Amino acid sequence: MSPSHHQVFSTHRRHGLRVVHDGDEVPGSPYPKASLWMRAGARLVDVAVAWGLCVVCGAAGEVVALLFLLLADGMLQGQSVGKRIFGVKVMHLPTQSAARHRDSTLRNAPLALIVLLGMMPPPLGSVAGLAGLVVIGGVEALRVVRDPLGWRLGDTWAQTQVVDGKVVAGATVAARTPVTAARVPGRFLSAARLRRIRHFKKSRRGKPCASR
């Protein structure tokens, strides 16, 4: 049967790291799977921080806790408070750079859904939150354990991976490809810059060629 019907994982060594490819659909990763114990400890710390924010912030506490859980992995260059303590980091695989707030929001969306279910009016909120914790939390935990890269559903959406911070110590400041002027449509350039470009082109056309 062709590889399209079975997930084929191939591994080889590159720069001392395990490179994993999942067929043609999952991008390769130069990072090994992070310790599940460190990830679990980091998640517990983040949940504790979110709970503290919920208590301290009063009426807006649930919203603040929800925003924290969504954005936490993009706060400290790919690390939440818990991940900073336990030494793990979220990397954006296509660019091999630290996860940003958008990546954090995508990868934590399934977990934030549990909080949203719990925010429903009582007594429905308690039941829905518990059910979401069992179903969504169980599925995500199972994926983390069974996936070769430790991906859960949120990582698939965001194309991210949780890795050991020591593995990416030399690549934590890798910047994503900036948008250069050549790639920006003319309508996004300032009027003053457009005038300077036109003036430069006209001056180049009118300038006589130097004799050889």
Protein backbone atom coordinates (compact mmCIF):
# COMPACT_ATOMS: atom_id res chain seq x y z
CA MET A 1 0.00 0.00 0.00
CA SER A 2 1.30 3.44 -0.89
CA PRO A 3 2.68 5.81 1.80
CA SER A 4 -0.41 8.01 1.35
CA HIS A 5 -2.44 5.32 3.15
CA HIS A 6 0.04 4.86 5.97
CA GLN A 7 1.97 7.43 7.94
CA VAL A 8 5.61 6.80 7.25
CA PHE A 9 8.12 8.17 9.69
CA SER A 10 11.74 8.44 8.65
CA THR A 11 14.47 9.60 10.96
CA HIS A 12 18.05 10.57 10.38
CA ARG A 13 20.72 12.60 12.12
CA ARG A 14 21.36 16.22 11.22
CA HIS A 15 23.53 18.47 13.36
CA GLY A 16 23.18 15.96 16.19
CA LEU A 17 19.35 16.25 16.32
CA ARG A 18 16.68 13.75 15.32
CA VAL A 19 14.79 14.81 12.20
CA VAL A 20 11.30 13.37 11.92
CA HIS A 21 9.16 13.39 8.77
CA ASP A 22 5.54 12.31 8.75
CA GLY A 23 4.82 11.49 5.12
CA ASP A 24 4.30 14.54 2.92
CA GLU A 25 1.77 16.33 5.14
CA VAL A 26 3.69 17.08 8.32
CA PRO A 27 6.74 19.35 8.07
CA GLY A 28 10.04 17.97 9.28
CA SER A 29 11.32 18.91 12.69
CA PRO A 30 14.98 19.19 13.70
CA TYR A 31 14.01 18.90 17.39
CA PRO A 32 13.53 15.77 19.51
CA LYS A 33 10.43 15.24 21.62
CA ALA A 34 10.52 17.13 24.90
CA SER A 35 10.11 15.44 28.27
CA LEU A 36 6.46 14.85 29.07
CA TRP A 37 7.15 15.38 32.78
CA MET A 38 8.58 18.84 32.15
CA ARG A 39 5.64 19.71 29.92
CA ALA A 40 3.15 18.51 32.54
CA GLY A 41 4.89 20.52 35.25
CA ALA A 42 4.93 23.63 33.07
CA ARG A 43 1.21 23.24 32.33
CA LEU A 44 0.37 22.89 36.02
CA VAL A 45 2.24 26.10 36.80
CA ASP A 46 0.42 27.96 34.01
CA VAL A 47 -2.96 26.69 35.22
CA ALA A 48 -2.06 27.81 38.75
CA VAL A 49 -1.12 31.27 37.47
CA ALA A 50 -4.38 31.48 35.51
CA TRP A 51 -6.32 30.48 38.62
CA GLY A 52 -4.54 33.14 40.64
CA LEU A 53 -5.40 35.78 38.04
CA CYS A 54 -9.02 34.62 38.10
CA VAL A 55 -9.19 35.09 41.86
CA VAL A 56 -7.28 38.39 42.03
CA CYS A 57 -9.03 40.15 39.14
CA GLY A 58 -12.53 39.78 40.52
CA ALA A 59 -15.38 40.05 38.02
CA ALA A 60 -13.01 40.13 35.05
CA GLY A 61 -10.94 37.27 36.43
CA GLU A 62 -12.25 34.57 34.10
CA VAL A 63 -11.59 36.69 31.02
CA VAL A 64 -8.09 37.58 32.21
CA ALA A 65 -7.33 33.92 32.94
CA LEU A 66 -8.61 32.94 29.49
CA LEU A 67 -6.43 35.53 27.76
CA PHE A 68 -3.42 34.40 29.77
CA LEU A 69 -3.89 30.78 28.74
CA LEU A 70 -4.25 31.77 25.09
CA LEU A 71 -1.23 34.10 24.93
CA ALA A 72 1.06 32.54 27.56
CA ASP A 73 3.38 30.67 25.16
CA GLY A 74 4.21 33.86 23.25
CA MET A 75 5.03 36.06 26.24
CA LEU A 76 8.68 35.17 26.92
CA GLN A 77 10.07 34.28 23.48
CA GLY A 78 8.16 31.05 23.15
CA GLN A 79 7.86 30.41 26.87
CA SER A 80 5.07 30.83 29.36
CA VAL A 81 5.81 31.25 33.06
CA GLY A 82 5.63 27.50 33.57
CA LYS A 83 7.74 26.70 30.51
CA ARG A 84 10.39 29.19 31.62
CA ILE A 85 10.57 27.49 35.03
CA PHE A 86 10.78 23.96 33.60
CA GLY A 87 13.10 24.85 30.70
CA VAL A 88 10.90 23.96 27.74
CA LYS A 89 10.04 26.18 24.79
CA VAL A 90 7.50 26.41 21.98
CA MET A 91 9.05 26.65 18.51
CA HIS A 92 7.31 27.57 15.26
CA LEU A 93 8.52 24.80 12.94
CA PRO A 94 8.24 26.44 9.47
CA THR A 95 10.52 29.30 10.58
CA GLN A 96 12.33 27.48 13.41
CA SER A 97 11.84 30.54 15.60
CA ALA A 98 10.25 31.09 18.99
CA ALA A 99 6.45 31.02 19.01
CA ARG A 100 4.64 34.34 18.98
CA HIS A 101 1.25 35.37 20.34
CA ARG A 102 -0.58 34.20 17.20
CA ASP A 103 1.05 30.77 17.42
CA SER A 104 0.29 30.62 21.14
CA THR A 105 -3.37 31.47 20.54
CA LEU A 106 -3.77 28.76 17.90
CA ARG A 107 -2.04 26.01 19.89
CA ASN A 108 -3.89 26.81 23.12
CA ALA A 109 -7.34 27.24 21.55
CA PRO A 110 -8.53 23.70 22.47
CA LEU A 111 -7.57 24.26 26.12
CA ALA A 112 -9.16 27.71 26.16
CA LEU A 113 -12.38 26.09 24.96
CA ILE A 114 -12.52 24.20 28.26
CA VAL A 115 -12.44 27.51 30.12
CA LEU A 116 -15.14 28.94 27.86
CA LEU A 117 -17.38 25.97 28.60
CA GLY A 118 -16.82 26.52 32.30
CA MET A 119 -17.85 30.16 31.96
CA MET A 120 -21.40 29.20 31.00
CA PRO A 121 -24.10 30.10 33.56
CA PRO A 122 -24.40 27.68 36.48
CA PRO A 123 -25.14 24.88 36.90
CA LEU A 124 -24.55 24.20 33.20
CA GLY A 125 -21.08 25.75 33.33
CA SER A 126 -19.73 23.28 35.88
CA VAL A 127 -21.03 20.29 33.95
CA ALA A 128 -19.85 21.59 30.57
CA GLY A 129 -16.44 22.55 31.94
CA LEU A 130 -15.92 19.13 33.51
CA ALA A 131 -17.05 17.37 30.33
CA GLY A 132 -14.72 19.54 28.25
CA LEU A 133 -11.85 18.80 30.60
CA VAL A 134 -12.41 15.06 30.30
CA VAL A 135 -12.99 14.93 26.54
CA ILE A 136 -10.73 17.69 25.18
CA GLY A 137 -8.07 17.28 27.84
CA GLY A 138 -8.06 13.51 27.39
CA VAL A 139 -7.72 13.71 23.60
CA GLU A 140 -4.94 16.29 23.81
CA ALA A 141 -3.05 14.33 26.47
CA LEU A 142 -3.32 11.13 24.42
CA ARG A 143 -1.95 12.87 21.34
CA VAL A 144 0.99 14.28 23.29
CA VAL A 145 1.91 10.82 24.56
CA ARG A 146 1.49 8.94 21.27
CA ASP A 147 2.78 11.48 18.73
CA PRO A 148 6.49 11.14 17.82
CA LEU A 149 6.95 14.92 18.17
CA GLY A 150 4.64 15.37 21.14
CA TRP A 151 2.13 17.26 19.01
CA ARG A 152 -1.37 17.83 20.24
CA LEU A 153 -4.21 19.21 18.14
CA GLY A 154 -3.27 22.82 18.87
CA ASP A 155 0.29 22.20 17.67
CA THR A 156 -1.07 20.86 14.39
CA TRP A 157 -3.03 24.07 13.85
CA ALA A 158 -0.15 26.36 14.81
CA GLN A 159 2.66 24.20 13.35
CA THR A 160 4.51 24.38 16.65
CA GLN A 161 6.41 21.96 18.85
CA VAL A 162 7.35 22.02 22.52
CA VAL A 163 11.08 21.33 22.79
CA ASP A 164 13.76 21.25 25.46
CA GLY A 165 15.11 24.77 25.91
CA LYS A 166 18.70 23.49 25.90
CA VAL A 167 18.25 22.01 22.42
CA VAL A 168 17.33 25.39 20.90
CA ALA A 169 19.62 27.51 23.08
CA GLY A 170 21.47 28.73 19.99
CA ALA A 171 18.33 29.37 17.96
CA THR A 172 16.01 31.10 20.40
CA VAL A 173 16.49 34.50 18.82
CA ALA A 174 16.03 33.33 15.23
CA ALA A 175 13.87 35.95 13.55
CA ARG A 176 11.26 35.18 10.97
CA THR A 177 11.82 36.38 7.44
CA PRO A 178 11.00 40.10 7.43
CA VAL A 179 8.82 41.65 4.78
CA THR A 180 11.16 43.63 2.55
CA ALA A 181 10.27 46.65 0.47
CA ALA A 182 10.58 44.60 -2.71
CA ARG A 183 7.82 42.30 -1.51
CA VAL A 184 5.48 45.03 -0.28
CA PRO A 185 2.88 46.24 -2.81
CA GLY A 186 3.26 49.85 -3.86
CA ARG A 187 0.06 50.90 -2.16
CA PHE A 188 1.63 50.17 1.22
CA LEU A 189 4.61 52.43 0.63
CA SER A 190 4.45 55.96 1.91
CA ALA A 191 3.75 58.72 -0.59
CA ALA A 192 7.06 60.43 0.23
CA ARG A 193 9.01 57.25 -0.47
CA LEU A 194 7.22 56.74 -3.78
CA ARG A 195 8.11 60.29 -4.80
CA ARG A 196 11.78 59.68 -3.95
CA ILE A 197 11.80 56.47 -6.00
CA ARG A 198 10.23 58.21 -9.02
CA HIS A 199 12.66 61.11 -8.74
CA PHE A 200 15.61 58.72 -8.59
CA LYS A 201 14.43 56.85 -11.69
CA LYS A 202 13.96 60.10 -13.64
CA SER A 203 17.39 61.34 -12.66
CA ARG A 204 18.92 58.05 -13.77
CA ARG A 205 17.23 58.29 -17.19
CA GLY A 206 18.40 61.84 -17.78
CA LYS A 207 21.99 61.21 -16.63
CA PRO A 208 24.38 60.76 -19.61
CA CYS A 209 26.37 57.55 -19.72
CA ALA A 210 30.05 57.95 -18.84
CA SER A 211 32.41 57.68 -21.77
CA ARG A 212 34.75 54.74 -21.79
